[in-house]
């Protein structure tokens, strides 16, 4: 498994950053572009990294936020999968700034072979798009700073993730983790029938060393997960807590991880 970090919040030595996320995942002869950041920066960084973006088998959109999907504008086509709820109009509650996707479903359907799935979708025998993630814990996804166009709370129900099945168990990749990391992992195990988790990487959407962070760390320890790699929307004391608990590396643009 090889994961190239094309866009991240933290800049590498030769690759600039933006608030957003984009990974190129290469696994068992599959090349998956997971999210595209908020601009064409992921393409520029890929060139700087000498990473070829041709021959992508699937583009996966983790959820319908601008910093994960607006980079789709800079691609010429291909197959795109996402939850059908990705295209709602959504805003920050505090100042009502628009945070949804720049392109509509109709616009993206003209450009890509668009697949929408609220349920799990098998990309290959060993790669599963998890679809909508049930919210089962009492400490995750309890509040939200987002609203929909009609003013109702937006809990980002389109938030999804990828589960990769390897010889060590499951490796799960999240975009922002709005559903909650524990909810996501529980769903991944339920969907795949694999109960061993070798790693998790991506946005954890944790900001403080609070109850949610502490219970997430406790869960990951109980599951004996060896690779814990929070990035993007995980910040401040939460990142420090994960580094203390697991020796989690700092994830930066330009990084390439091989497992």
Protein backbone atom coordinates (compact mmCIF):
# COMPACT_ATOMS: atom_id res chain seq x y z
CA UNK A 1 0.00 0.00 0.00
CA UNK A 2 1.29 3.44 -0.96
CA UNK A 3 -0.36 6.72 0.04
CA UNK A 4 0.91 10.00 -1.44
CA UNK A 5 -0.21 13.17 0.34
CA UNK A 6 -1.02 15.62 -2.46
CA UNK A 7 -2.81 18.24 -0.36
CA UNK A 8 -2.79 18.74 3.38
CA UNK A 9 -3.01 21.59 5.86
CA UNK A 10 0.72 21.33 6.59
CA UNK A 11 3.29 22.20 3.93
CA UNK A 12 6.19 19.94 3.08
CA UNK A 13 9.69 21.16 2.31
CA UNK A 14 8.95 21.49 -1.43
CA UNK A 15 5.16 21.27 -1.57
CA UNK A 16 2.86 24.10 -0.43
CA UNK A 17 -0.30 23.54 1.59
CA UNK A 18 -3.91 24.65 1.73
CA UNK A 19 -6.79 23.90 4.04
CA UNK A 20 -7.91 20.68 2.41
CA UNK A 21 -7.07 17.07 1.76
CA UNK A 22 -6.13 14.91 -1.21
CA UNK A 23 -4.44 11.50 -1.19
CA UNK A 24 -3.39 9.21 -4.01
CA UNK A 25 -3.86 5.63 -2.81
CA UNK A 26 -2.12 2.80 -4.65
CA UNK A 27 -3.19 -0.62 -3.47
CA UNK A 28 -3.24 -4.01 -5.19
CA UNK A 29 -3.00 -2.56 -8.73
CA UNK A 30 -5.69 0.05 -7.99
CA UNK A 31 -5.03 3.79 -8.12
CA UNK A 32 -7.60 5.79 -6.14
CA UNK A 33 -7.68 9.57 -5.88
CA UNK A 34 -9.24 10.26 -2.49
CA UNK A 35 -10.52 13.87 -2.37
CA UNK A 36 -9.09 16.78 -4.36
CA UNK A 37 -8.61 19.65 -1.91
CA UNK A 38 -10.14 23.04 -2.65
CA UNK A 39 -8.07 24.02 -5.70
CA UNK A 40 -5.72 22.63 -8.33
CA UNK A 41 -2.87 22.53 -5.81
CA UNK A 42 -3.04 18.73 -5.61
CA UNK A 43 -2.08 18.55 -9.31
CA UNK A 44 0.86 20.93 -8.87
CA UNK A 45 2.08 19.03 -5.82
CA UNK A 46 1.76 15.72 -7.65
CA UNK A 47 4.02 17.09 -10.38
CA UNK A 48 6.56 18.28 -7.79
CA UNK A 49 6.46 14.81 -6.23
CA UNK A 50 6.89 13.14 -9.67
CA UNK A 51 3.61 11.37 -9.01
CA UNK A 52 1.62 10.46 -12.10
CA UNK A 53 -2.11 11.20 -11.91
CA UNK A 54 -2.91 9.47 -15.18
CA UNK A 55 -4.61 6.10 -15.07
CA UNK A 56 -6.73 6.77 -12.00
CA UNK A 57 -9.21 3.92 -11.52
CA UNK A 58 -11.60 5.84 -9.24
CA UNK A 59 -12.03 9.26 -7.69
CA UNK A 60 -13.59 9.11 -4.22
CA UNK A 61 -15.20 12.15 -2.62
CA UNK A 62 -15.38 11.68 1.15
CA UNK A 63 -18.08 14.34 1.66
CA UNK A 64 -19.47 17.50 0.10
CA UNK A 65 -17.27 20.23 1.56
CA UNK A 66 -15.33 22.70 -0.60
CA UNK A 67 -11.94 21.79 0.86
CA UNK A 68 -12.36 18.17 -0.26
CA UNK A 69 -14.17 18.51 -3.57
CA UNK A 70 -13.61 21.84 -5.30
CA UNK A 71 -10.43 20.49 -6.89
CA UNK A 72 -12.68 18.31 -9.07
CA UNK A 73 -12.93 21.34 -11.34
CA UNK A 74 -9.32 20.74 -12.42
CA UNK A 75 -9.78 17.13 -13.55
CA UNK A 76 -10.79 16.12 -17.06
CA UNK A 77 -13.06 13.19 -16.25
CA UNK A 78 -13.08 9.67 -14.90
CA UNK A 79 -15.27 7.74 -12.49
CA UNK A 80 -16.34 9.58 -9.35
CA UNK A 81 -18.10 8.00 -6.38
CA UNK A 82 -19.69 9.81 -3.45
CA UNK A 83 -22.70 9.80 -1.15
CA UNK A 84 -25.82 11.30 -2.83
CA UNK A 85 -26.03 13.89 -0.05
CA UNK A 86 -22.78 15.55 -1.10
CA UNK A 87 -24.58 18.13 -3.22
CA UNK A 88 -26.70 19.90 -0.60
CA UNK A 89 -26.16 23.60 0.02
CA UNK A 90 -24.47 24.02 3.38
CA UNK A 91 -23.10 26.87 5.47
CA UNK A 92 -21.18 27.68 8.62
CA UNK A 93 -23.61 28.46 11.40
CA UNK A 94 -21.50 31.31 12.80
CA UNK A 95 -21.30 33.55 9.72
CA UNK A 96 -23.37 31.72 7.08
CA UNK A 97 -20.43 31.40 4.69
CA UNK A 98 -21.00 28.78 2.01
CA UNK A 99 -18.90 25.64 2.52
CA UNK A 100 -20.49 23.24 0.03
CA UNK A 101 -19.21 22.15 -3.36
CA UNK A 102 -18.64 24.69 -6.10
CA UNK A 103 -20.03 22.36 -8.77
CA UNK A 104 -23.55 20.98 -8.79
CA UNK A 105 -24.46 17.33 -9.24
CA UNK A 106 -25.58 18.09 -12.80
CA UNK A 107 -22.29 19.78 -13.67
CA UNK A 108 -20.21 16.92 -12.25
CA UNK A 109 -22.44 14.34 -13.99
CA UNK A 110 -21.58 15.91 -17.34
CA UNK A 111 -17.87 15.70 -16.59
CA UNK A 112 -17.51 12.41 -14.71
CA UNK A 113 -19.08 8.99 -14.68
CA UNK A 114 -20.85 9.76 -11.41
CA UNK A 115 -21.79 6.97 -9.01
CA UNK A 116 -23.70 7.93 -5.88
CA UNK A 117 -24.20 5.41 -3.11
CA UNK A 118 -25.68 5.82 0.35
CA UNK A 119 -24.72 2.24 1.11
CA UNK A 120 -21.35 0.50 0.90
CA UNK A 121 -19.91 0.23 -2.61
CA UNK A 122 -17.21 -2.31 -3.48
CA UNK A 123 -14.59 -0.69 -5.69
CA UNK A 124 -12.58 -3.91 -5.78
CA UNK A 125 -12.40 -7.12 -3.74
CA UNK A 126 -10.24 -5.30 -1.20
CA UNK A 127 -11.40 -1.64 -1.42
CA UNK A 128 -14.83 -0.59 -0.12
CA UNK A 129 -16.44 2.85 -0.12
CA UNK A 130 -18.32 2.73 3.17
CA UNK A 131 -21.31 4.87 2.26
CA UNK A 132 -23.31 6.51 5.06
CA UNK A 133 -21.86 5.84 8.50
CA UNK A 134 -24.30 5.16 11.37
CA UNK A 135 -23.86 7.43 14.38
CA UNK A 136 -23.94 4.96 17.29
CA UNK A 137 -21.66 6.39 19.99
CA UNK A 138 -22.80 8.90 22.60
CA UNK A 139 -19.68 11.08 22.32
CA UNK A 140 -19.34 11.65 18.56
CA UNK A 141 -21.39 13.77 16.16
CA UNK A 142 -23.41 15.29 18.99
CA UNK A 143 -23.12 18.93 17.92
CA UNK A 144 -22.38 20.72 14.65
CA UNK A 145 -21.23 24.14 13.56
CA UNK A 146 -22.93 23.76 10.16
CA UNK A 147 -26.43 24.41 8.86
CA UNK A 148 -28.33 23.51 5.71
CA UNK A 149 -29.99 26.00 3.39
CA UNK A 150 -33.23 25.92 5.42
CA UNK A 151 -31.35 26.63 8.66
CA UNK A 152 -31.60 23.11 10.11
CA UNK A 153 -28.45 21.57 11.62
CA UNK A 154 -26.13 19.87 9.16
CA UNK A 155 -24.43 16.84 10.69
CA UNK A 156 -22.73 16.01 7.37
CA UNK A 157 -24.55 12.72 6.95
CA UNK A 158 -22.78 12.25 3.60
CA UNK A 159 -19.44 11.85 5.42
CA UNK A 160 -17.85 8.55 4.38
CA UNK A 161 -14.51 6.75 4.24
CA UNK A 162 -12.57 3.98 2.49
CA UNK A 163 -11.80 0.57 3.96
CA UNK A 164 -8.84 -1.31 2.51
CA UNK A 165 -8.48 -4.99 3.36
CA UNK A 166 -4.88 -6.19 3.58
CA UNK A 167 -3.03 -9.07 5.20
CA UNK A 168 -2.94 -7.19 8.52
CA UNK A 169 -6.67 -6.42 8.63
CA UNK A 170 -8.39 -3.14 7.77
CA UNK A 171 -6.71 0.14 6.90
CA UNK A 172 -9.30 2.94 6.97
CA UNK A 173 -8.92 6.33 5.30
CA UNK A 174 -11.12 9.26 6.30
CA UNK A 175 -11.59 12.71 4.80
CA UNK A 176 -12.72 14.67 7.85
CA UNK A 177 -14.26 12.09 10.12
CA UNK A 178 -17.42 14.11 10.74
CA UNK A 179 -19.18 10.83 11.55
CA UNK A 180 -16.69 10.14 14.35
CA UNK A 181 -13.64 7.91 14.13
CA UNK A 182 -15.11 5.20 16.35
CA UNK A 183 -18.38 5.18 14.40
CA UNK A 184 -16.38 4.94 11.18
CA UNK A 185 -14.27 2.01 12.33
CA UNK A 186 -17.25 0.15 13.77
CA UNK A 187 -19.04 0.54 10.44
CA UNK A 188 -15.96 -0.57 8.49
CA UNK A 189 -15.77 -3.77 10.52
CA UNK A 190 -19.50 -4.40 10.13
CA UNK A 191 -19.41 -3.88 6.35
CA UNK A 192 -16.29 -5.97 5.69
CA UNK A 193 -16.62 -8.65 8.36
CA UNK A 194 -12.98 -7.98 9.27
CA UNK A 195 -12.51 -7.28 12.97
CA UNK A 196 -8.80 -6.44 13.01
CA UNK A 197 -7.81 -2.84 12.22
CA UNK A 198 -4.21 -2.25 11.21
CA UNK A 199 -4.44 1.51 10.79
CA UNK A 200 -6.41 4.68 10.26
CA UNK A 201 -5.33 7.83 8.42
CA UNK A 202 -6.99 11.13 7.52
CA UNK A 203 -9.01 13.89 9.10
CA UNK A 204 -10.28 13.08 12.58
CA UNK A 205 -12.18 16.39 13.09
CA UNK A 206 -10.93 16.70 16.65
CA UNK A 207 -9.85 20.09 17.95
CA UNK A 208 -9.20 19.69 21.67
CA UNK A 209 -8.05 17.08 24.16
CA UNK A 210 -11.65 16.65 25.28
CA UNK A 211 -13.95 13.72 26.02
CA UNK A 212 -14.31 12.77 22.37
CA UNK A 213 -10.56 12.78 21.81
CA UNK A 214 -9.86 10.82 25.00
CA UNK A 215 -12.50 8.18 24.28
CA UNK A 216 -11.30 7.88 20.69
CA UNK A 217 -7.75 7.25 21.95
CA UNK A 218 -9.04 4.69 24.46
CA UNK A 219 -10.93 2.86 21.71
CA UNK A 220 -7.92 2.81 19.38
CA UNK A 221 -5.76 1.42 22.18
CA UNK A 222 -8.33 -1.28 22.96
CA UNK A 223 -8.31 -2.26 19.30
CA UNK A 224 -4.49 -2.35 19.36
CA UNK A 225 -4.24 -0.24 16.22
CA UNK A 226 -0.59 0.32 15.41
CA UNK A 227 -0.83 3.00 12.72
CA UNK A 228 -2.79 6.05 13.85
CA UNK A 229 -2.22 9.00 11.49
CA UNK A 230 -4.50 12.00 12.11
CA UNK A 231 -4.20 14.89 9.68
CA UNK A 232 -6.03 17.81 8.05
CA UNK A 233 -8.79 18.91 10.46
CA UNK A 234 -7.15 17.46 13.58
CA UNK A 235 -5.44 20.26 15.42
CA UNK A 236 -3.84 21.63 18.55
CA UNK A 237 -3.91 19.61 21.72
CA UNK A 238 -5.74 16.74 20.00
CA UNK A 239 -2.77 16.11 17.71
CA UNK A 240 -0.43 16.24 20.68
CA UNK A 241 -2.58 13.67 22.48
CA UNK A 242 -2.39 11.26 19.52
CA UNK A 243 1.36 11.73 19.19
CA UNK A 244 1.79 11.01 22.88
CA UNK A 245 -0.45 7.94 22.78
CA UNK A 246 0.66 6.40 19.49
CA UNK A 247 3.76 8.22 18.25
CA UNK A 248 1.63 9.50 15.37
CA UNK A 249 3.71 11.19 12.66
CA UNK A 250 3.04 14.70 11.43
CA UNK A 251 1.40 14.34 8.02
CA UNK A 252 2.52 16.95 5.47
CA UNK A 253 2.06 17.59 1.77
CA UNK A 254 4.65 15.70 -0.20
CA UNK A 255 4.78 12.80 2.25
CA UNK A 256 4.65 9.29 0.83
CA UNK A 257 3.77 6.43 3.15
CA UNK A 258 4.32 2.79 2.21
CA UNK A 259 3.02 -0.04 4.36
